[in-house]
Amino acid sequence: MLAVVFWLIIITLGYAALCAGAPFGRCRRCRGFGFLIHKARSGRLIRGKNCRRCGASGIRLRLGRRAWNFWARAHRDSNR
């Protein structure tokens, strides 16, 4: 039981360090390209429309960083 708690703490701290060091990840829908990829009728890959989820940037804000930003904004606004 103690080993499970230890590993959960290690994983949580590692994810927090990842969110602090690299707050943006690749968009899951377009895989970081910024646009969708389609196959032509011949089987060749062609560029599709811009990705609507990431706004054609190819990056997204990680969930942990989004939670941190929410907490920091709430803390800042409550102390004004």
PDB file of N, CA and C in Angstrom:
ATOM      1  N   MET A   1       0.824  -1.192   0.000  1.00  0.00           N
ATOM      2  CA  MET A   1       0.000   0.000   0.000  1.00  0.00           C
ATOM      3  C   MET A   1       0.869   1.256   0.000  1.00  0.00           C
ATOM      4  N   LEU A   2       1.925   1.222   0.795  1.00  0.00           N
ATOM      5  CA  LEU A   2       2.805   2.367   0.877  1.00  0.00           C
ATOM      6  C   LEU A   2       3.540   2.593  -0.442  1.00  0.00           C
ATOM      7  N   ALA A   3       3.873   1.500  -1.126  1.00  0.00           N
ATOM      8  CA  ALA A   3       4.557   1.617  -2.411  1.00  0.00           C
ATOM      9  C   ALA A   3       3.645   2.243  -3.465  1.00  0.00           C
ATOM     10  N   VAL A   4       2.360   1.924  -3.422  1.00  0.00           N
ATOM     11  CA  VAL A   4       1.405   2.492  -4.371  1.00  0.00           C
ATOM     12  C   VAL A   4       1.276   3.993  -4.148  1.00  0.00           C
ATOM     13  N   VAL A   5       1.190   4.413  -2.907  1.00  0.00           N
ATOM     14  CA  VAL A   5       1.097   5.837  -2.575  1.00  0.00           C
ATOM     15  C   VAL A   5       2.373   6.556  -3.004  1.00  0.00           C
ATOM     16  N   PHE A   6       3.505   5.934  -2.775  1.00  0.00           N
ATOM     17  CA  PHE A   6       4.778   6.519  -3.176  1.00  0.00           C
ATOM     18  C   PHE A   6       4.827   6.745  -4.679  1.00  0.00           C
ATOM     19  N   TRP A   7       4.420   5.733  -5.476  1.00  0.00           N
ATOM     20  CA  TRP A   7       4.461   5.869  -6.930  1.00  0.00           C
ATOM     21  C   TRP A   7       3.446   6.887  -7.439  1.00  0.00           C
ATOM     22  N   LEU A   8       2.287   6.983  -6.798  1.00  0.00           N
ATOM     23  CA  LEU A   8       1.309   7.992  -7.189  1.00  0.00           C
ATOM     24  C   LEU A   8       1.843   9.404  -6.939  1.00  0.00           C
ATOM     25  N   ILE A   9       2.552   9.589  -5.834  1.00  0.00           N
ATOM     26  CA  ILE A   9       3.153  10.893  -5.544  1.00  0.00           C
ATOM     27  C   ILE A   9       4.235  11.214  -6.573  1.00  0.00           C
ATOM     28  N   ILE A  10       5.053  10.238  -6.929  1.00  0.00           N
ATOM     29  CA  ILE A  10       6.111  10.437  -7.919  1.00  0.00           C
ATOM     30  C   ILE A  10       5.513  10.800  -9.284  1.00  0.00           C
ATOM     31  N   ILE A  11       4.470  10.094  -9.694  1.00  0.00           N
ATOM     32  CA  ILE A  11       3.818  10.373 -10.976  1.00  0.00           C
ATOM     33  C   ILE A  11       3.183  11.751 -10.969  1.00  0.00           C
ATOM     34  N   THR A  12       2.542  12.125  -9.872  1.00  0.00           N
ATOM     35  CA  THR A  12       1.909  13.441  -9.773  1.00  0.00           C
ATOM     36  C   THR A  12       2.938  14.558  -9.830  1.00  0.00           C
ATOM     37  N   LEU A  13       4.025  14.410  -9.120  1.00  0.00           N
ATOM     38  CA  LEU A  13       5.076  15.429  -9.148  1.00  0.00           C
ATOM     39  C   LEU A  13       5.736  15.509 -10.528  1.00  0.00           C
ATOM     40  N   GLY A  14       5.885  14.387 -11.186  1.00  0.00           N
ATOM     41  CA  GLY A  14       6.447  14.376 -12.530  1.00  0.00           C
ATOM     42  C   GLY A  14       5.545  15.083 -13.524  1.00  0.00           C
ATOM     43  N   TYR A  15       4.228  14.854 -13.410  1.00  0.00           N
ATOM     44  CA  TYR A  15       3.292  15.534 -14.305  1.00  0.00           C
ATOM     45  C   TYR A  15       3.238  17.028 -14.015  1.00  0.00           C
ATOM     46  N   ALA A  16       3.333  17.401 -12.743  1.00  0.00           N
ATOM     47  CA  ALA A  16       3.365  18.825 -12.387  1.00  0.00           C
ATOM     48  C   ALA A  16       4.616  19.489 -12.958  1.00  0.00           C
ATOM     49  N   ALA A  17       5.744  18.804 -12.916  1.00  0.00           N
ATOM     50  CA  ALA A  17       6.975  19.353 -13.496  1.00  0.00           C
ATOM     51  C   ALA A  17       6.851  19.462 -15.021  1.00  0.00           C
ATOM     52  N   LEU A  18       6.214  18.487 -15.648  1.00  0.00           N
ATOM     53  CA  LEU A  18       5.994  18.544 -17.092  1.00  0.00           C
ATOM     54  C   LEU A  18       5.109  19.729 -17.462  1.00  0.00           C
ATOM     55  N   CYS A  19       4.042  19.948 -16.707  1.00  0.00           N
ATOM     56  CA  CYS A  19       3.133  21.061 -16.989  1.00  0.00           C
ATOM     57  C   CYS A  19       3.810  22.404 -16.742  1.00  0.00           C
ATOM     58  N   ALA A  20       4.714  22.465 -15.787  1.00  0.00           N
ATOM     59  CA  ALA A  20       5.427  23.717 -15.525  1.00  0.00           C
ATOM     60  C   ALA A  20       6.491  23.972 -16.596  1.00  0.00           C
ATOM     61  N   GLY A  21       7.164  22.951 -17.031  1.00  0.00           N
ATOM     62  CA  GLY A  21       8.243  23.106 -18.005  1.00  0.00           C
ATOM     63  C   GLY A  21       7.764  23.205 -19.438  1.00  0.00           C
ATOM     64  N   ALA A  22       6.746  22.449 -19.790  1.00  0.00           N
ATOM     65  CA  ALA A  22       6.214  22.446 -21.156  1.00  0.00           C
ATOM     66  C   ALA A  22       4.687  22.487 -21.072  1.00  0.00           C
ATOM     67  N   PRO A  23       4.102  23.678 -20.906  1.00  0.00           N
ATOM     68  CA  PRO A  23       2.659  23.754 -20.688  1.00  0.00           C
ATOM     69  C   PRO A  23       1.819  23.402 -21.913  1.00  0.00           C
ATOM     70  N   PHE A  24       2.420  23.385 -23.086  1.00  0.00           N
ATOM     71  CA  PHE A  24       1.669  23.085 -24.298  1.00  0.00           C
ATOM     72  C   PHE A  24       2.047  21.710 -24.823  1.00  0.00           C
ATOM     73  N   GLY A  25       1.041  20.995 -25.307  1.00  0.00           N
ATOM     74  CA  GLY A  25       1.248  19.705 -25.942  1.00  0.00           C
ATOM     75  C   GLY A  25       0.704  19.748 -27.358  1.00  0.00           C
ATOM     76  N   ARG A  26       0.933  18.683 -28.106  1.00  0.00           N
ATOM     77  CA  ARG A  26       0.417  18.627 -29.470  1.00  0.00           C
ATOM     78  C   ARG A  26      -1.098  18.445 -29.441  1.00  0.00           C
ATOM     79  N   CYS A  27      -1.772  19.046 -30.412  1.00  0.00           N
ATOM     80  CA  CYS A  27      -3.214  18.889 -30.543  1.00  0.00           C
ATOM     81  C   CYS A  27      -3.509  17.424 -30.873  1.00  0.00           C
ATOM     82  N   ARG A  28      -4.484  16.849 -30.214  1.00  0.00           N
ATOM     83  CA  ARG A  28      -4.776  15.437 -30.428  1.00  0.00           C
ATOM     84  C   ARG A  28      -5.550  15.187 -31.707  1.00  0.00           C
ATOM     85  N   ARG A  29      -6.271  16.181 -32.156  1.00  0.00           N
ATOM     86  CA  ARG A  29      -7.075  15.990 -33.356  1.00  0.00           C
ATOM     87  C   ARG A  29      -6.225  16.034 -34.622  1.00  0.00           C
ATOM     88  N   CYS A  30      -5.359  17.035 -34.725  1.00  0.00           N
ATOM     89  CA  CYS A  30      -4.545  17.173 -35.943  1.00  0.00           C
ATOM     90  C   CYS A  30      -3.118  16.661 -35.737  1.00  0.00           C
ATOM     91  N   ARG A  31      -2.803  16.147 -34.559  1.00  0.00           N
ATOM     92  CA  ARG A  31      -1.489  15.593 -34.216  1.00  0.00           C
ATOM     93  C   ARG A  31      -0.364  16.607 -34.339  1.00  0.00           C
ATOM     94  N   GLY A  32      -0.691  17.887 -34.118  1.00  0.00           N
ATOM     95  CA  GLY A  32       0.324  18.921 -34.112  1.00  0.00           C
ATOM     96  C   GLY A  32       0.618  19.548 -35.459  1.00  0.00           C
ATOM     97  N   PHE A  33      -0.099  19.140 -36.510  1.00  0.00           N
ATOM     98  CA  PHE A  33       0.129  19.713 -37.832  1.00  0.00           C
ATOM     99  C   PHE A  33      -0.555  21.064 -37.990  1.00  0.00           C
ATOM    100  N   GLY A  34      -1.694  21.263 -37.339  1.00  0.00           N
ATOM    101  CA  GLY A  34      -2.455  22.489 -37.503  1.00  0.00           C
ATOM    102  C   GLY A  34      -3.532  22.366 -38.557  1.00  0.00           C
ATOM    103  N   PHE A  35      -3.565  21.248 -39.238  1.00  0.00           N
ATOM    104  CA  PHE A  35      -4.590  20.991 -40.244  1.00  0.00           C
ATOM    105  C   PHE A  35      -4.864  19.494 -40.268  1.00  0.00           C
ATOM    106  N   LEU A  36      -6.011  19.151 -40.768  1.00  0.00           N
ATOM    107  CA  LEU A  36      -6.385  17.748 -40.870  1.00  0.00           C
ATOM    108  C   LEU A  36      -5.818  17.166 -42.153  1.00  0.00           C
ATOM    109  N   ILE A  37      -5.543  15.894 -42.141  1.00  0.00           N
ATOM    110  CA  ILE A  37      -4.980  15.209 -43.298  1.00  0.00           C
ATOM    111  C   ILE A  37      -6.037  14.251 -43.841  1.00  0.00           C
ATOM    112  N   HIS A  38      -6.253  14.308 -45.136  1.00  0.00           N
ATOM    113  CA  HIS A  38      -7.216  13.439 -45.798  1.00  0.00           C
ATOM    114  C   HIS A  38      -6.504  12.615 -46.851  1.00  0.00           C
ATOM    115  N   LYS A  39      -7.143  11.550 -47.253  1.00  0.00           N
ATOM    116  CA  LYS A  39      -6.632  10.747 -48.358  1.00  0.00           C
ATOM    117  C   LYS A  39      -7.411  11.095 -49.613  1.00  0.00           C
ATOM    118  N   ALA A  40      -6.691  11.284 -50.695  1.00  0.00           N
ATOM    119  CA  ALA A  40      -7.334  11.496 -51.990  1.00  0.00           C
ATOM    120  C   ALA A  40      -7.879  10.157 -52.479  1.00  0.00           C
ATOM    121  N   ARG A  41      -8.614  10.197 -53.537  1.00  0.00           N
ATOM    122  CA  ARG A  41      -9.180   8.965 -54.068  1.00  0.00           C
ATOM    123  C   ARG A  41      -8.103   8.007 -54.547  1.00  0.00           C
ATOM    124  N   SER A  42      -6.960   8.556 -54.898  1.00  0.00           N
ATOM    125  CA  SER A  42      -5.860   7.706 -55.348  1.00  0.00           C
ATOM    126  C   SER A  42      -5.068   7.121 -54.173  1.00  0.00           C
ATOM    127  N   GLY A  43      -5.360   7.562 -52.952  1.00  0.00           N
ATOM    128  CA  GLY A  43      -4.652   7.065 -51.776  1.00  0.00           C
ATOM    129  C   GLY A  43      -3.558   7.985 -51.293  1.00  0.00           C
ATOM    130  N   ARG A  44      -3.297   9.048 -52.039  1.00  0.00           N
ATOM    131  CA  ARG A  44      -2.267  10.016 -51.670  1.00  0.00           C
ATOM    132  C   ARG A  44      -2.786  10.899 -50.541  1.00  0.00           C
ATOM    133  N   LEU A  45      -1.920  11.254 -49.604  1.00  0.00           N
ATOM    134  CA  LEU A  45      -2.309  12.129 -48.505  1.00  0.00           C
ATOM    135  C   LEU A  45      -2.324  13.576 -48.984  1.00  0.00           C
ATOM    136  N   ILE A  46      -3.383  14.291 -48.635  1.00  0.00           N
ATOM    137  CA  ILE A  46      -3.501  15.699 -49.013  1.00  0.00           C
ATOM    138  C   ILE A  46      -3.853  16.521 -47.784  1.00  0.00           C
ATOM    139  N   ARG A  47      -3.528  17.802 -47.855  1.00  0.00           N
ATOM    140  CA  ARG A  47      -3.800  18.708 -46.753  1.00  0.00           C
ATOM    141  C   ARG A  47      -5.283  19.029 -46.745  1.00  0.00           C
ATOM    142  N   GLY A  48      -5.879  18.973 -45.553  1.00  0.00           N
ATOM    143  CA  GLY A  48      -7.287  19.286 -45.418  1.00  0.00           C
ATOM    144  C   GLY A  48      -7.489  20.686 -44.866  1.00  0.00           C
ATOM    145  N   LYS A  49      -8.618  20.884 -44.221  1.00  0.00           N
ATOM    146  CA  LYS A  49      -8.942  22.182 -43.646  1.00  0.00           C
ATOM    147  C   LYS A  49      -8.127  22.417 -42.381  1.00  0.00           C
ATOM    148  N   ASN A  50      -8.062  23.680 -41.971  1.00  0.00           N
ATOM    149  CA  ASN A  50      -7.399  24.010 -40.715  1.00  0.00           C
ATOM    150  C   ASN A  50      -8.145  23.366 -39.555  1.00  0.00           C
ATOM    151  N   CYS A  51      -7.420  22.987 -38.545  1.00  0.00           N
ATOM    152  CA  CYS A  51      -7.999  22.340 -37.372  1.00  0.00           C
ATOM    153  C   CYS A  51      -8.787  23.373 -36.562  1.00  0.00           C
ATOM    154  N   ARG A  52     -10.026  23.056 -36.262  1.00  0.00           N
ATOM    155  CA  ARG A  52     -10.866  23.972 -35.512  1.00  0.00           C
ATOM    156  C   ARG A  52     -10.594  23.895 -34.014  1.00  0.00           C
ATOM    157  N   ARG A  53     -10.122  22.765 -33.546  1.00  0.00           N
ATOM    158  CA  ARG A  53      -9.895  22.596 -32.118  1.00  0.00           C
ATOM    159  C   ARG A  53      -8.739  23.450 -31.610  1.00  0.00           C
ATOM    160  N   CYS A  54      -7.643  23.477 -32.344  1.00  0.00           N
ATOM    161  CA  CYS A  54      -6.468  24.235 -31.896  1.00  0.00           C
ATOM    162  C   CYS A  54      -6.326  25.563 -32.611  1.00  0.00           C
ATOM    163  N   GLY A  55      -7.211  25.868 -33.544  1.00  0.00           N
ATOM    164  CA  GLY A  55      -7.124  27.120 -34.277  1.00  0.00           C
ATOM    165  C   GLY A  55      -5.948  27.167 -35.227  1.00  0.00           C
ATOM    166  N   ALA A  56      -5.579  26.031 -35.793  1.00  0.00           N
ATOM    167  CA  ALA A  56      -4.494  25.877 -36.761  1.00  0.00           C
ATOM    168  C   ALA A  56      -3.121  26.163 -36.165  1.00  0.00           C
ATOM    169  N   SER A  57      -2.990  26.137 -34.840  1.00  0.00           N
ATOM    170  CA  SER A  57      -1.680  26.346 -34.230  1.00  0.00           C
ATOM    171  C   SER A  57      -0.950  25.020 -34.005  1.00  0.00           C
ATOM    172  N   GLY A  58      -1.696  23.936 -33.854  1.00  0.00           N
ATOM    173  CA  GLY A  58      -1.091  22.628 -33.641  1.00  0.00           C
ATOM    174  C   GLY A  58      -0.758  22.329 -32.200  1.00  0.00           C
ATOM    175  N   ILE A  59      -1.072  23.248 -31.276  1.00  0.00           N
ATOM    176  CA  ILE A  59      -0.768  23.025 -29.866  1.00  0.00           C
ATOM    177  C   ILE A  59      -2.022  23.196 -29.022  1.00  0.00           C
ATOM    178  N   ARG A  60      -1.995  22.607 -27.832  1.00  0.00           N
ATOM    179  CA  ARG A  60      -3.090  22.730 -26.888  1.00  0.00           C
ATOM    180  C   ARG A  60      -2.506  22.923 -25.501  1.00  0.00           C
ATOM    181  N   LEU A  61      -3.283  23.466 -24.604  1.00  0.00           N
ATOM    182  CA  LEU A  61      -2.846  23.652 -23.228  1.00  0.00           C
ATOM    183  C   LEU A  61      -3.109  22.358 -22.461  1.00  0.00           C
ATOM    184  N   ARG A  62      -2.121  21.869 -21.748  1.00  0.00           N
ATOM    185  CA  ARG A  62      -2.279  20.619 -21.000  1.00  0.00           C
ATOM    186  C   ARG A  62      -3.314  20.780 -19.893  1.00  0.00           C
ATOM    187  N   LEU A  63      -3.939  19.679 -19.513  1.00  0.00           N
ATOM    188  CA  LEU A  63      -4.990  19.693 -18.500  1.00  0.00           C
ATOM    189  C   LEU A  63      -4.468  20.186 -17.158  1.00  0.00           C
ATOM    190  N   GLY A  64      -3.286  19.750 -16.753  1.00  0.00           N
ATOM    191  CA  GLY A  64      -2.711  20.190 -15.483  1.00  0.00           C
ATOM    192  C   GLY A  64      -2.402  21.674 -15.482  1.00  0.00           C
ATOM    193  N   ARG A  65      -1.928  22.188 -16.604  1.00  0.00           N
ATOM    194  CA  ARG A  65      -1.644  23.622 -16.687  1.00  0.00           C
ATOM    195  C   ARG A  65      -2.941  24.428 -16.673  1.00  0.00           C
ATOM    196  N   ARG A  66      -3.976  23.902 -17.309  1.00  0.00           N
ATOM    197  CA  ARG A  66      -5.274  24.572 -17.294  1.00  0.00           C
ATOM    198  C   ARG A  66      -5.830  24.636 -15.877  1.00  0.00           C
ATOM    199  N   ALA A  67      -5.671  23.555 -15.101  1.00  0.00           N
ATOM    200  CA  ALA A  67      -6.118  23.552 -13.705  1.00  0.00           C
ATOM    201  C   ALA A  67      -5.296  24.538 -12.883  1.00  0.00           C
ATOM    202  N   TRP A  68      -3.978  24.586 -13.130  1.00  0.00           N
ATOM    203  CA  TRP A  68      -3.119  25.534 -12.403  1.00  0.00           C
ATOM    204  C   TRP A  68      -3.513  26.974 -12.708  1.00  0.00           C
ATOM    205  N   ASN A  69      -3.768  27.289 -13.974  1.00  0.00           N
ATOM    206  CA  ASN A  69      -4.178  28.640 -14.353  1.00  0.00           C
ATOM    207  C   ASN A  69      -5.504  29.018 -13.693  1.00  0.00           C
ATOM    208  N   PHE A  70      -6.445  28.076 -13.630  1.00  0.00           N
ATOM    209  CA  PHE A  70      -7.724  28.333 -12.982  1.00  0.00           C
ATOM    210  C   PHE A  70      -7.528  28.621 -11.501  1.00  0.00           C
ATOM    211  N   TRP A  71      -6.713  27.797 -10.833  1.00  0.00           N
ATOM    212  CA  TRP A  71      -6.468  27.997  -9.402  1.00  0.00           C
ATOM    213  C   TRP A  71      -5.745  29.323  -9.153  1.00  0.00           C
ATOM    214  N   ALA A  72      -4.752  29.637  -9.965  1.00  0.00           N
ATOM    215  CA  ALA A  72      -3.996  30.875  -9.786  1.00  0.00           C
ATOM    216  C   ALA A  72      -4.886  32.092 -10.018  1.00  0.00           C
ATOM    217  N   ARG A  73      -5.769  32.042 -11.012  1.00  0.00           N
ATOM    218  CA  ARG A  73      -6.670  33.155 -11.279  1.00  0.00           C
ATOM    219  C   ARG A  73      -7.657  33.334 -10.133  1.00  0.00           C
ATOM    220  N   ALA A  74      -8.196  32.216  -9.615  1.00  0.00           N
ATOM    221  CA  ALA A  74      -9.130  32.310  -8.489  1.00  0.00           C
ATOM    222  C   ALA A  74      -8.422  32.848  -7.243  1.00  0.00           C
ATOM    223  N   HIS A  75      -7.196  32.424  -7.002  1.00  0.00           N
ATOM    224  CA  HIS A  75      -6.445  32.903  -5.848  1.00  0.00           C
ATOM    225  C   HIS A  75      -6.119  34.392  -5.976  1.00  0.00           C
ATOM    226  N   ARG A  76      -5.719  34.808  -7.170  1.00  0.00           N
ATOM    227  CA  ARG A  76      -5.398  36.215  -7.403  1.00  0.00           C
ATOM    228  C   ARG A  76      -6.630  37.097  -7.261  1.00  0.00           C
ATOM    229  N   ASP A  77      -7.769  36.642  -7.802  1.00  0.00           N
ATOM    230  CA  ASP A  77      -8.985  37.458  -7.733  1.00  0.00           C
ATOM    231  C   ASP A  77      -9.576  37.505  -6.319  1.00  0.00           C
ATOM    232  N   SER A  78      -9.339  36.483  -5.521  1.00  0.00           N
ATOM    233  CA  SER A  78      -9.884  36.487  -4.160  1.00  0.00           C
ATOM    234  C   SER A  78      -9.047  37.352  -3.223  1.00  0.00           C
ATOM    235  N   ASN A  79      -7.828  37.656  -3.586  1.00  0.00           N
ATOM    236  CA  ASN A  79      -6.958  38.446  -2.725  1.00  0.00           C
ATOM    237  C   ASN A  79      -6.875  39.907  -3.141  1.00  0.00           C
ATOM    238  N   ARG A  80      -7.746  40.358  -3.975  1.00  0.00           N
ATOM    239  CA  ARG A  80      -7.722  41.755  -4.403  1.00  0.00           C
ATOM    240  C   ARG A  80      -8.464  42.627  -3.441  1.00  0.00           C
TER     241      ARG A  80
END
